[in-house]
């Protein structure tokens, strides 16, 4: 019975301690049983420091620093200051013509590989808009071989791949800028092949066409 009284007294004291002083103000900081990491030794922005001779907590950025995950050696143009290369546009905001990179046979084949993966399902292997999606009700995919798309600037095709258009989503998360230019180069190759004439074939390779 004695332990029951002790237990009751303890519970009363505990209840008064917890509930009896609720709402009262105190100049003392609250008791933190588990402070975790609430109070860390740190410097706030633009604070002073006695550790450094210049008295500043903020330290200058070391020379040659680059954003995390980027390498100036692997990607010299990591700042993407070339609007034509990375946006397909010129300084005046218009779409540029031509290519900001060297177009080689290997580059076009690189574009062919990406085209067959990402573009052919809708635009078709030949670029005529007869991709597999047409069998599933997507009837508005344009052909690359109409006069309008043959006449537009290469930069506009690059911009469409980058940002998407109408029902086409952006492919910027799947294709790097150079890969997008490679696809543009392959699209131009498809257009050239569809409207090619015998005069486009080198003279030493025309024999087998006859």
N, C-alpha and C. Protein backbone atom coordinates (compact mmCIF):
# COMPACT_ATOMS: atom_id res chain seq x y z
N UNK A 1 0.84 -1.21 0.00
CA UNK A 1 0.00 0.00 0.00
C UNK A 1 0.87 1.26 0.00
N UNK A 2 1.99 1.18 0.72
CA UNK A 2 2.90 2.31 0.80
C UNK A 2 3.42 2.70 -0.59
N UNK A 3 3.72 1.70 -1.43
CA UNK A 3 4.23 1.98 -2.78
C UNK A 3 3.16 2.66 -3.65
N UNK A 4 1.90 2.36 -3.38
CA UNK A 4 0.82 2.99 -4.12
C UNK A 4 0.78 4.48 -3.82
N UNK A 5 1.00 4.86 -2.54
CA UNK A 5 1.03 6.28 -2.19
C UNK A 5 2.21 6.99 -2.86
N UNK A 6 3.36 6.31 -2.83
CA UNK A 6 4.54 6.89 -3.48
C UNK A 6 4.32 7.10 -4.97
N UNK A 7 3.69 6.11 -5.58
CA UNK A 7 3.41 6.20 -7.02
C UNK A 7 2.44 7.33 -7.31
N UNK A 8 1.39 7.45 -6.47
CA UNK A 8 0.41 8.51 -6.65
C UNK A 8 1.05 9.88 -6.47
N UNK A 9 1.91 10.01 -5.46
CA UNK A 9 2.58 11.29 -5.22
C UNK A 9 3.50 11.65 -6.39
N UNK A 10 4.17 10.66 -6.92
CA UNK A 10 5.06 10.91 -8.06
C UNK A 10 4.26 11.37 -9.27
N UNK A 11 3.12 10.72 -9.49
CA UNK A 11 2.29 11.10 -10.64
C UNK A 11 1.73 12.51 -10.48
N UNK A 12 1.36 12.89 -9.27
CA UNK A 12 0.83 14.23 -9.01
C UNK A 12 1.91 15.27 -9.28
N UNK A 13 3.11 15.03 -8.74
CA UNK A 13 4.22 15.97 -8.96
C UNK A 13 4.54 16.08 -10.45
N UNK A 14 4.54 14.93 -11.14
CA UNK A 14 4.83 14.93 -12.57
C UNK A 14 3.76 15.68 -13.34
N UNK A 15 2.50 15.47 -12.98
CA UNK A 15 1.40 16.15 -13.67
C UNK A 15 1.49 17.65 -13.46
N UNK A 16 1.77 18.08 -12.23
CA UNK A 16 1.88 19.52 -11.95
C UNK A 16 3.08 20.11 -12.68
N UNK A 17 4.17 19.35 -12.74
CA UNK A 17 5.38 19.84 -13.41
C UNK A 17 5.16 20.03 -14.90
N UNK A 18 4.40 19.11 -15.47
CA UNK A 18 4.20 19.17 -16.92
C UNK A 18 3.07 20.11 -17.28
N UNK A 19 1.94 20.01 -16.56
CA UNK A 19 0.75 20.75 -16.94
C UNK A 19 0.57 22.05 -16.16
N UNK A 20 1.10 22.12 -14.95
CA UNK A 20 0.81 23.26 -14.10
C UNK A 20 1.48 24.54 -14.54
N UNK A 21 2.58 24.44 -15.28
CA UNK A 21 3.31 25.65 -15.68
C UNK A 21 3.16 25.96 -17.16
N UNK A 22 2.23 25.31 -17.81
CA UNK A 22 2.00 25.58 -19.23
C UNK A 22 1.46 26.99 -19.41
N UNK A 23 2.00 27.73 -20.37
CA UNK A 23 1.56 29.09 -20.62
C UNK A 23 2.35 30.14 -19.90
N UNK A 24 3.17 29.74 -18.91
CA UNK A 24 3.98 30.71 -18.18
C UNK A 24 5.23 31.05 -18.98
N UNK A 25 5.68 32.27 -18.88
CA UNK A 25 6.86 32.71 -19.59
C UNK A 25 8.08 32.66 -18.67
N UNK A 26 9.19 32.38 -19.28
CA UNK A 26 10.43 32.30 -18.52
C UNK A 26 11.55 32.90 -19.35
N UNK A 27 12.46 33.63 -18.72
CA UNK A 27 13.61 34.17 -19.47
C UNK A 27 14.64 33.10 -19.81
N UNK A 28 14.47 31.94 -19.24
CA UNK A 28 15.42 30.86 -19.48
C UNK A 28 15.06 30.09 -20.74
N UNK A 29 16.04 29.57 -21.44
CA UNK A 29 15.74 28.76 -22.62
C UNK A 29 15.07 27.46 -22.22
N UNK A 30 14.27 26.88 -23.10
CA UNK A 30 13.58 25.63 -22.77
C UNK A 30 14.58 24.49 -22.60
N UNK A 31 14.20 23.53 -21.81
CA UNK A 31 15.04 22.35 -21.60
C UNK A 31 14.93 21.45 -22.83
N UNK A 32 16.06 21.12 -23.40
CA UNK A 32 16.07 20.25 -24.57
C UNK A 32 16.68 18.91 -24.17
N UNK A 33 15.83 17.93 -24.10
CA UNK A 33 16.31 16.59 -23.72
C UNK A 33 17.14 15.99 -24.84
N UNK A 34 16.66 16.18 -26.09
CA UNK A 34 17.38 15.68 -27.26
C UNK A 34 17.65 16.87 -28.20
N UNK A 35 18.74 17.57 -28.02
CA UNK A 35 18.99 18.76 -28.85
C UNK A 35 19.34 18.44 -30.30
N UNK A 36 19.64 17.16 -30.57
CA UNK A 36 19.98 16.75 -31.94
C UNK A 36 21.08 17.67 -32.49
N UNK A 37 20.78 18.32 -33.63
CA UNK A 37 21.75 19.23 -34.24
C UNK A 37 21.19 20.64 -34.34
N UNK A 38 20.35 21.00 -33.36
CA UNK A 38 19.73 22.33 -33.40
C UNK A 38 20.75 23.45 -33.20
N UNK A 39 21.79 23.19 -32.46
CA UNK A 39 22.78 24.22 -32.18
C UNK A 39 24.13 23.73 -32.69
N UNK A 40 24.51 24.24 -33.85
CA UNK A 40 25.75 23.81 -34.48
C UNK A 40 26.76 24.95 -34.50
N UNK A 41 28.01 24.57 -34.49
CA UNK A 41 29.05 25.56 -34.66
C UNK A 41 29.18 25.92 -36.13
N UNK A 42 28.70 27.06 -36.54
CA UNK A 42 28.68 27.43 -37.95
C UNK A 42 28.79 28.94 -38.10
N UNK A 43 29.09 29.34 -39.29
CA UNK A 43 29.12 30.76 -39.64
C UNK A 43 27.91 31.09 -40.50
N UNK A 44 27.28 32.20 -40.24
CA UNK A 44 26.20 32.68 -41.08
C UNK A 44 26.77 33.51 -42.23
N UNK A 45 26.00 33.67 -43.33
CA UNK A 45 26.52 34.43 -44.47
C UNK A 45 26.99 35.82 -44.07
N UNK A 46 28.15 36.21 -44.58
CA UNK A 46 28.75 37.53 -44.36
C UNK A 46 29.09 37.80 -42.89
N UNK A 47 29.24 36.72 -42.13
CA UNK A 47 29.63 36.90 -40.73
C UNK A 47 31.14 37.11 -40.63
N UNK A 48 31.58 37.51 -39.46
CA UNK A 48 33.01 37.71 -39.23
C UNK A 48 33.63 36.44 -38.65
N UNK A 49 34.93 36.35 -38.79
CA UNK A 49 35.64 35.20 -38.27
C UNK A 49 37.02 35.63 -37.78
N UNK A 50 37.40 35.15 -36.61
CA UNK A 50 38.72 35.44 -36.08
C UNK A 50 39.75 34.45 -36.59
N UNK A 51 39.28 33.41 -37.26
CA UNK A 51 40.20 32.38 -37.72
C UNK A 51 41.02 32.84 -38.92
N UNK A 52 40.35 33.58 -39.84
CA UNK A 52 41.02 34.02 -41.06
C UNK A 52 41.58 35.43 -40.87
N UNK A 53 42.70 35.70 -41.50
CA UNK A 53 43.38 36.98 -41.30
C UNK A 53 42.58 38.15 -41.83
N UNK A 54 41.73 37.92 -42.86
CA UNK A 54 40.94 39.03 -43.39
C UNK A 54 39.66 39.28 -42.60
N UNK A 55 39.41 38.43 -41.58
CA UNK A 55 38.26 38.64 -40.72
C UNK A 55 36.93 38.23 -41.32
N UNK A 56 36.93 37.62 -42.50
CA UNK A 56 35.68 37.23 -43.14
C UNK A 56 35.43 35.74 -42.97
N UNK A 57 34.16 35.39 -42.73
CA UNK A 57 33.79 33.97 -42.70
C UNK A 57 33.62 33.43 -44.12
N UNK A 58 33.07 34.26 -45.02
CA UNK A 58 32.91 33.85 -46.42
C UNK A 58 34.28 33.80 -47.09
N UNK A 59 34.57 32.69 -47.77
CA UNK A 59 35.87 32.54 -48.40
C UNK A 59 35.76 32.71 -49.91
N UNK A 60 36.78 33.30 -50.54
CA UNK A 60 36.77 33.45 -52.01
C UNK A 60 36.75 32.09 -52.69
N UNK A 61 36.12 32.03 -53.86
CA UNK A 61 36.08 30.78 -54.62
C UNK A 61 37.45 30.53 -55.24
N UNK A 62 38.02 29.35 -55.06
CA UNK A 62 39.34 29.06 -55.63
C UNK A 62 39.31 29.15 -57.16
N UNK A 63 40.42 29.55 -57.73
CA UNK A 63 40.51 29.65 -59.18
C UNK A 63 40.32 28.30 -59.85
N UNK A 64 39.62 28.30 -60.98
CA UNK A 64 39.38 27.05 -61.72
C UNK A 64 38.21 26.24 -61.23
N UNK A 65 37.45 26.78 -60.25
CA UNK A 65 36.30 26.04 -59.73
C UNK A 65 35.22 25.92 -60.81
N UNK A 66 34.63 24.73 -60.94
CA UNK A 66 33.56 24.49 -61.91
C UNK A 66 32.37 23.88 -61.18
N UNK A 67 31.17 23.96 -61.76
CA UNK A 67 30.00 23.36 -61.11
C UNK A 67 30.19 21.88 -60.88
N UNK A 68 29.60 21.38 -59.83
CA UNK A 68 29.73 19.97 -59.49
C UNK A 68 29.19 19.10 -60.63
N UNK A 69 29.91 18.06 -60.97
CA UNK A 69 29.48 17.15 -62.02
C UNK A 69 29.92 17.56 -63.41
N UNK A 70 30.54 18.73 -63.56
CA UNK A 70 31.02 19.18 -64.85
C UNK A 70 32.54 19.25 -64.83
N UNK A 71 33.14 19.04 -65.94
CA UNK A 71 34.59 19.08 -66.04
C UNK A 71 34.97 19.98 -67.19
N UNK A 72 35.77 20.98 -66.91
CA UNK A 72 36.22 21.88 -67.97
C UNK A 72 37.05 21.14 -68.99
N UNK A 73 37.76 20.10 -68.54
CA UNK A 73 38.58 19.34 -69.48
C UNK A 73 37.71 18.50 -70.41
N UNK A 74 36.64 17.91 -69.84
CA UNK A 74 35.77 17.07 -70.67
C UNK A 74 34.79 17.89 -71.49
N UNK A 75 34.42 19.05 -70.99
CA UNK A 75 33.44 19.89 -71.67
C UNK A 75 33.89 21.34 -71.58
N UNK A 76 34.75 21.79 -72.49
CA UNK A 76 35.28 23.17 -72.41
C UNK A 76 34.19 24.23 -72.48
N UNK A 77 33.05 23.90 -73.07
CA UNK A 77 31.97 24.89 -73.22
C UNK A 77 30.89 24.69 -72.16
N UNK A 78 31.32 24.30 -70.93
CA UNK A 78 30.30 23.97 -69.93
C UNK A 78 29.45 25.16 -69.55
N UNK A 79 29.92 26.37 -69.79
CA UNK A 79 29.11 27.55 -69.47
C UNK A 79 28.03 27.78 -70.52
N UNK A 80 28.12 27.10 -71.64
CA UNK A 80 27.13 27.18 -72.72
C UNK A 80 26.90 28.61 -73.17
N UNK A 81 27.99 29.30 -73.43
CA UNK A 81 27.89 30.69 -73.86
C UNK A 81 27.58 30.81 -75.34
N UNK A 82 27.69 29.72 -76.10
CA UNK A 82 27.42 29.74 -77.54
C UNK A 82 25.93 29.48 -77.77
N UNK A 83 25.17 30.53 -78.04
CA UNK A 83 23.72 30.40 -78.21
C UNK A 83 23.36 29.49 -79.37
N UNK A 84 24.10 29.58 -80.46
CA UNK A 84 23.79 28.75 -81.62
C UNK A 84 24.00 27.28 -81.30
N UNK A 85 25.08 26.98 -80.62
CA UNK A 85 25.40 25.59 -80.30
C UNK A 85 24.39 24.98 -79.34
N UNK A 86 23.96 25.75 -78.34
CA UNK A 86 23.13 25.19 -77.28
C UNK A 86 21.66 25.60 -77.34
N UNK A 87 21.32 26.57 -78.18
CA UNK A 87 19.92 26.98 -78.31
C UNK A 87 19.44 26.95 -79.76
N UNK A 88 20.38 26.88 -80.69
CA UNK A 88 19.99 26.90 -82.10
C UNK A 88 19.68 28.29 -82.60
N UNK A 89 20.02 29.32 -81.81
CA UNK A 89 19.67 30.69 -82.17
C UNK A 89 20.90 31.56 -82.32
N UNK A 90 20.76 32.61 -83.10
CA UNK A 90 21.82 33.59 -83.28
C UNK A 90 21.67 34.70 -82.24
N UNK A 91 22.58 35.65 -82.27
CA UNK A 91 22.57 36.73 -81.30
C UNK A 91 21.28 37.54 -81.36
N UNK A 92 20.71 37.69 -82.56
CA UNK A 92 19.49 38.48 -82.70
C UNK A 92 18.23 37.70 -82.37
N UNK A 93 18.39 36.44 -81.95
CA UNK A 93 17.23 35.63 -81.56
C UNK A 93 16.64 34.79 -82.67
N UNK A 94 17.11 34.97 -83.88
CA UNK A 94 16.59 34.17 -85.00
C UNK A 94 17.27 32.81 -85.01
N UNK A 95 16.64 31.84 -85.65
CA UNK A 95 17.21 30.50 -85.73
C UNK A 95 18.34 30.48 -86.75
N UNK A 96 19.45 29.86 -86.36
CA UNK A 96 20.62 29.83 -87.23
C UNK A 96 20.55 28.72 -88.25
N UNK A 97 21.22 28.94 -89.36
CA UNK A 97 21.31 27.93 -90.42
C UNK A 97 22.70 27.30 -90.39
N UNK A 98 22.77 26.07 -90.83
CA UNK A 98 24.02 25.35 -90.79
C UNK A 98 24.21 24.64 -89.46
N UNK A 99 25.44 24.26 -89.18
CA UNK A 99 25.75 23.50 -87.97
C UNK A 99 26.92 24.13 -87.22
N UNK A 100 26.84 24.15 -85.88
CA UNK A 100 27.95 24.71 -85.09
C UNK A 100 29.06 23.68 -84.85
N UNK A 101 28.87 22.47 -85.35
CA UNK A 101 29.86 21.40 -85.20
C UNK A 101 30.18 20.84 -86.57
N UNK A 102 31.29 20.14 -86.66
CA UNK A 102 31.68 19.54 -87.93
C UNK A 102 30.79 18.34 -88.25
N UNK A 103 30.25 18.31 -89.45
CA UNK A 103 29.37 17.22 -89.88
C UNK A 103 30.19 16.23 -90.69
N UNK A 104 30.35 15.05 -90.15
CA UNK A 104 31.09 13.98 -90.81
C UNK A 104 30.17 12.77 -90.98
N UNK A 105 30.67 11.78 -91.70
CA UNK A 105 29.88 10.56 -91.88
C UNK A 105 29.59 9.89 -90.53
N UNK A 106 30.59 9.87 -89.66
CA UNK A 106 30.39 9.27 -88.34
C UNK A 106 29.36 10.07 -87.54
N UNK A 107 29.37 11.39 -87.70
CA UNK A 107 28.41 12.24 -87.00
C UNK A 107 26.99 11.96 -87.47
N UNK A 108 26.82 11.79 -88.77
CA UNK A 108 25.49 11.50 -89.31
C UNK A 108 25.02 10.12 -88.85
N UNK A 109 25.92 9.14 -88.82
CA UNK A 109 25.54 7.82 -88.34
C UNK A 109 25.16 7.86 -86.86
N UNK A 110 25.83 8.70 -86.12
CA UNK A 110 25.46 8.92 -84.71
C UNK A 110 24.04 9.45 -84.63
N UNK A 111 23.71 10.40 -85.50
CA UNK A 111 22.35 10.93 -85.55
C UNK A 111 21.35 9.89 -85.98
N UNK A 112 21.73 9.02 -86.91
CA UNK A 112 20.84 7.94 -87.35
C UNK A 112 20.48 7.02 -86.20
N UNK A 113 21.48 6.69 -85.39
CA UNK A 113 21.24 5.80 -84.25
C UNK A 113 20.23 6.41 -83.29
N UNK A 114 20.40 7.68 -82.95
CA UNK A 114 19.47 8.33 -82.03
C UNK A 114 18.10 8.55 -82.69
N UNK A 115 18.10 8.83 -83.98
CA UNK A 115 16.83 9.03 -84.68
C UNK A 115 15.99 7.76 -84.64
N UNK A 116 16.60 6.63 -84.89
CA UNK A 116 15.86 5.37 -84.91
C UNK A 116 15.30 5.03 -83.53
N UNK A 117 15.98 5.48 -82.49
CA UNK A 117 15.51 5.20 -81.13
C UNK A 117 14.38 6.13 -80.72
N UNK A 118 14.56 7.43 -80.92
CA UNK A 118 13.64 8.42 -80.37
C UNK A 118 12.65 9.01 -81.36
N UNK A 119 13.01 9.06 -82.64
CA UNK A 119 12.19 9.79 -83.60
C UNK A 119 11.36 8.88 -84.52
N UNK A 120 11.97 7.76 -84.93
CA UNK A 120 11.32 6.90 -85.91
C UNK A 120 9.95 6.36 -85.46
N UNK A 121 9.72 6.08 -84.16
CA UNK A 121 8.40 5.59 -83.77
C UNK A 121 7.25 6.50 -84.22
N UNK A 122 7.47 7.79 -84.28
CA UNK A 122 6.43 8.72 -84.72
C UNK A 122 6.66 9.19 -86.16
N UNK A 123 7.89 9.62 -86.46
CA UNK A 123 8.18 10.23 -87.76
C UNK A 123 8.49 9.21 -88.85
N UNK A 124 8.66 7.95 -88.48
CA UNK A 124 8.93 6.92 -89.46
C UNK A 124 10.41 6.80 -89.79
N UNK A 125 10.81 5.63 -90.23
CA UNK A 125 12.20 5.38 -90.56
C UNK A 125 12.67 6.29 -91.69
N UNK A 126 11.77 6.62 -92.61
CA UNK A 126 12.12 7.47 -93.75
C UNK A 126 11.83 8.94 -93.49
N UNK A 127 11.31 9.27 -92.32
CA UNK A 127 10.98 10.66 -92.03
C UNK A 127 9.71 11.13 -92.69
N UNK A 128 8.86 10.19 -93.12
CA UNK A 128 7.65 10.55 -93.84
C UNK A 128 6.41 10.61 -92.95
N UNK A 129 6.60 10.49 -91.63
CA UNK A 129 5.47 10.56 -90.71
C UNK A 129 4.70 9.26 -90.55
N UNK A 130 5.19 8.19 -91.14
CA UNK A 130 4.50 6.90 -91.08
C UNK A 130 5.15 5.98 -90.06
N UNK A 131 5.25 6.46 -88.83
CA UNK A 131 5.80 5.63 -87.77
C UNK A 131 4.79 4.67 -87.21
N UNK A 132 5.25 3.82 -86.29
CA UNK A 132 4.36 2.80 -85.72
C UNK A 132 3.20 3.43 -84.96
N UNK A 133 3.39 4.66 -84.45
CA UNK A 133 2.32 5.30 -83.69
C UNK A 133 1.11 5.62 -84.55
N UNK A 134 1.30 5.67 -85.85
CA UNK A 134 0.17 5.95 -86.75
C UNK A 134 -0.84 4.82 -86.71
N UNK A 135 -0.37 3.61 -86.40
CA UNK A 135 -1.27 2.47 -86.29
C UNK A 135 -2.12 2.52 -85.03
N UNK A 136 -1.74 3.43 -84.12
CA UNK A 136 -2.46 3.54 -82.85
C UNK A 136 -3.21 4.87 -82.73
N UNK A 137 -3.49 5.48 -83.87
CA UNK A 137 -4.34 6.66 -83.87
C UNK A 137 -3.65 8.00 -83.94
N UNK A 138 -2.30 8.06 -83.93
CA UNK A 138 -1.60 9.33 -84.04
C UNK A 138 -1.45 9.67 -85.52
N UNK A 139 -2.36 10.49 -86.02
CA UNK A 139 -2.43 10.74 -87.46
C UNK A 139 -1.88 12.09 -87.88
N UNK A 140 -1.34 12.86 -86.93
CA UNK A 140 -0.94 14.23 -87.26
C UNK A 140 0.57 14.41 -87.31
N UNK A 141 1.34 13.35 -87.29
CA UNK A 141 2.80 13.49 -87.36
C UNK A 141 3.19 13.98 -88.75
N UNK A 142 3.87 15.11 -88.84
CA UNK A 142 4.20 15.66 -90.17
C UNK A 142 5.34 14.89 -90.83
N UNK A 143 5.41 14.99 -92.14
CA UNK A 143 6.53 14.44 -92.88
C UNK A 143 7.63 15.48 -92.99
N UNK A 144 8.86 15.03 -92.90
CA UNK A 144 9.98 15.95 -93.03
C UNK A 144 10.18 16.40 -94.48
N UNK A 145 9.46 15.80 -95.38
CA UNK A 145 9.74 16.03 -96.80
C UNK A 145 8.85 17.08 -97.45
N UNK A 146 7.98 17.73 -96.67
CA UNK A 146 7.21 18.81 -97.28
C UNK A 146 8.09 20.06 -97.37
N UNK A 147 7.68 20.98 -98.22
CA UNK A 147 8.52 22.15 -98.52
C UNK A 147 8.79 23.00 -97.29
N UNK A 148 7.82 23.08 -96.38
CA UNK A 148 7.99 23.93 -95.19
C UNK A 148 9.13 23.43 -94.32
N UNK A 149 9.16 22.14 -94.04
CA UNK A 149 10.19 21.60 -93.16
C UNK A 149 11.54 21.46 -93.86
N UNK A 150 11.51 21.40 -95.16
CA UNK A 150 12.79 21.38 -95.88
C UNK A 150 13.43 22.77 -95.88
N UNK A 151 12.60 23.81 -95.76
CA UNK A 151 13.10 25.18 -95.87
C UNK A 151 13.48 25.79 -94.52
N UNK A 152 12.98 25.23 -93.41
CA UNK A 152 13.27 25.86 -92.12
C UNK A 152 14.75 25.70 -91.77
N UNK A 153 15.22 26.58 -90.88
CA UNK A 153 16.62 26.56 -90.48
C UNK A 153 16.92 25.35 -89.59
N UNK A 154 18.16 24.91 -89.66
CA UNK A 154 18.57 23.79 -88.81
C UNK A 154 18.39 24.12 -87.33
N UNK A 155 18.60 25.38 -86.99
CA UNK A 155 18.43 25.78 -85.59
C UNK A 155 17.02 25.61 -85.10
N UNK A 156 16.04 25.75 -85.98
CA UNK A 156 14.64 25.57 -85.57
C UNK A 156 14.34 24.10 -85.30
N UNK A 157 14.90 23.21 -86.11
CA UNK A 157 14.73 21.77 -85.85
C UNK A 157 15.37 21.42 -84.50
N UNK A 158 16.57 21.97 -84.26
CA UNK A 158 17.24 21.75 -82.98
C UNK A 158 16.38 22.25 -81.83
N UNK A 159 15.77 23.42 -81.99
CA UNK A 159 14.92 24.00 -80.95
C UNK A 159 13.70 23.12 -80.68
N UNK A 160 13.14 22.53 -81.72
CA UNK A 160 11.98 21.65 -81.54
C UNK A 160 12.38 20.40 -80.77
N UNK A 161 13.53 19.83 -81.08
CA UNK A 161 13.99 18.66 -80.34
C UNK A 161 14.24 19.04 -78.87
N UNK A 162 14.76 20.22 -78.66
CA UNK A 162 15.10 20.66 -77.30
C UNK A 162 13.87 20.95 -76.45
N UNK A 163 12.91 21.66 -77.01
CA UNK A 163 11.77 22.13 -76.21
C UNK A 163 10.46 21.43 -76.55
N UNK A 164 10.42 20.68 -77.65
CA UNK A 164 9.17 20.03 -78.06
C UNK A 164 8.26 21.01 -78.79
N UNK A 165 7.19 20.47 -79.35
CA UNK A 165 6.23 21.31 -80.06
C UNK A 165 4.92 20.56 -80.21
N UNK A 166 3.82 21.26 -79.90
CA UNK A 166 2.49 20.65 -79.96
C UNK A 166 2.47 19.39 -79.09
N UNK A 167 2.17 18.23 -79.68
CA UNK A 167 2.08 16.99 -78.89
C UNK A 167 3.44 16.32 -78.69
N UNK A 168 4.48 16.88 -79.29
CA UNK A 168 5.82 16.31 -79.13
C UNK A 168 6.48 16.88 -77.88
N UNK A 169 6.96 15.99 -77.03
CA UNK A 169 7.63 16.42 -75.80
C UNK A 169 9.10 16.75 -76.08
N UNK A 170 9.71 17.41 -75.12
CA UNK A 170 11.13 17.74 -75.21
C UNK A 170 11.97 16.47 -75.08
N UNK A 171 13.07 16.45 -75.84
CA UNK A 171 14.03 15.34 -75.75
C UNK A 171 15.36 15.82 -75.19
N UNK A 172 15.36 16.98 -74.56
CA UNK A 172 16.60 17.53 -74.00
C UNK A 172 17.14 16.67 -72.88
N UNK A 173 16.27 15.94 -72.19
CA UNK A 173 16.73 15.09 -71.10
C UNK A 173 17.27 13.76 -71.59
N UNK A 174 17.09 13.48 -72.87
CA UNK A 174 17.55 12.21 -73.44
C UNK A 174 18.71 12.38 -74.41
N UNK A 175 18.79 13.55 -75.03
CA UNK A 175 19.82 13.79 -76.03
C UNK A 175 20.65 15.01 -75.63
N UNK A 176 21.95 14.86 -75.62
CA UNK A 176 22.84 16.00 -75.36
C UNK A 176 22.75 16.97 -76.53
N UNK A 177 23.22 18.21 -76.38
CA UNK A 177 23.17 19.17 -77.50
C UNK A 177 23.82 18.63 -78.76
N UNK A 178 24.98 18.00 -78.65
CA UNK A 178 25.64 17.47 -79.85
C UNK A 178 24.86 16.31 -80.45
N UNK A 179 24.22 15.51 -79.60
CA UNK A 179 23.38 14.43 -80.12
C UNK A 179 22.18 15.00 -80.88
N UNK A 180 21.63 16.10 -80.39
CA UNK A 180 20.50 16.74 -81.09
C UNK A 180 20.95 17.26 -82.45
N UNK A 181 22.14 17.85 -82.50
CA UNK A 181 22.65 18.31 -83.80
C UNK A 181 22.89 17.13 -84.73
N UNK A 182 23.33 16.01 -84.18
CA UNK A 182 23.53 14.82 -85.01
C UNK A 182 22.19 14.35 -85.60
N UNK A 183 21.13 14.41 -84.81
CA UNK A 183 19.80 14.05 -85.33
C UNK A 183 19.37 15.02 -86.43
N UNK A 184 19.63 16.31 -86.21
CA UNK A 184 19.30 17.30 -87.24
C UNK A 184 20.05 16.98 -88.53
N UNK A 185 21.32 16.62 -88.42
CA UNK A 185 22.11 16.28 -89.60
C UNK A 185 21.52 15.06 -90.32
N UNK A 186 21.04 14.08 -89.56
CA UNK A 186 20.45 12.90 -90.19
C UNK A 186 19.11 13.23 -90.84
N UNK A 187 18.34 14.11 -90.21
CA UNK A 187 17.08 14.55 -90.83
C UNK A 187 17.36 15.22 -92.17
N UNK A 188 18.38 16.05 -92.21
CA UNK A 188 18.76 16.68 -93.48
C UNK A 188 19.20 15.64 -94.49
N UNK A 189 19.86 14.58 -94.04
CA UNK A 189 20.27 13.51 -94.95
C UNK A 189 19.05 12.79 -95.51
N UNK A 190 18.04 12.55 -94.67
CA UNK A 190 16.80 11.93 -95.15
C UNK A 190 16.12 12.81 -96.19
N UNK A 191 16.06 14.10 -95.92
CA UNK A 191 15.44 15.02 -96.87
C UNK A 191 16.20 15.06 -98.19
N UNK A 192 17.50 15.09 -98.08
CA UNK A 192 18.34 15.13 -99.29
C UNK A 192 18.15 13.84 -100.10
N UNK A 193 18.08 12.71 -99.41
CA UNK A 193 17.92 11.43 -100.11
C UNK A 193 16.57 11.34 -100.82
N UNK A 194 15.53 11.87 -100.20
CA UNK A 194 14.18 11.78 -100.80
C UNK A 194 14.10 12.61 -102.08
N UNK A 195 14.78 13.73 -102.11
CA UNK A 195 14.67 14.63 -103.26
C UNK A 195 15.96 14.67 -104.09
N UNK A 196 16.77 13.66 -103.94
CA UNK A 196 18.05 13.63 -104.66
C UNK A 196 17.84 13.33 -106.14
N UNK A 197 18.79 13.76 -106.93
CA UNK A 197 18.81 13.46 -108.36
C UNK A 197 20.14 12.79 -108.68
N UNK A 198 20.27 12.36 -109.91
CA UNK A 198 21.51 11.71 -110.32
C UNK A 198 22.70 12.65 -110.18
N UNK A 199 22.45 13.95 -110.30
CA UNK A 199 23.54 14.92 -110.18
C UNK A 199 24.11 14.97 -108.77
N UNK A 200 23.35 14.50 -107.77
CA UNK A 200 23.85 14.49 -106.39
C UNK A 200 24.77 13.32 -106.12
N UNK A 201 24.81 12.36 -107.02
CA UNK A 201 25.65 11.17 -106.82
C UNK A 201 27.01 11.42 -107.45
N UNK A 202 28.11 11.15 -106.74
CA UNK A 202 29.44 11.33 -107.32
C UNK A 202 29.58 10.56 -108.64
N UNK A 203 30.28 11.15 -109.57
CA UNK A 203 30.38 10.56 -110.91
C UNK A 203 30.93 9.15 -110.89
N UNK A 204 31.89 8.87 -110.01
CA UNK A 204 32.49 7.54 -109.97
C UNK A 204 31.60 6.48 -109.32
N UNK A 205 30.41 6.90 -108.82
CA UNK A 205 29.50 5.94 -108.19
C UNK A 205 28.17 5.84 -108.93
N UNK A 206 28.06 6.42 -110.09
CA UNK A 206 26.80 6.41 -110.81
C UNK A 206 26.61 5.15 -111.65
N UNK A 207 27.67 4.41 -111.89
CA UNK A 207 27.56 3.26 -112.77
C UNK A 207 26.57 2.23 -112.32
N UNK A 208 26.55 1.93 -111.04
CA UNK A 208 25.65 0.89 -110.56
C UNK A 208 24.20 1.31 -110.54
N UNK A 209 23.93 2.62 -110.73
CA UNK A 209 22.55 3.11 -110.74
C UNK A 209 21.88 2.90 -112.11
N UNK A 210 22.68 2.68 -113.13
CA UNK A 210 22.11 2.53 -114.49
C UNK A 210 21.58 1.15 -114.71
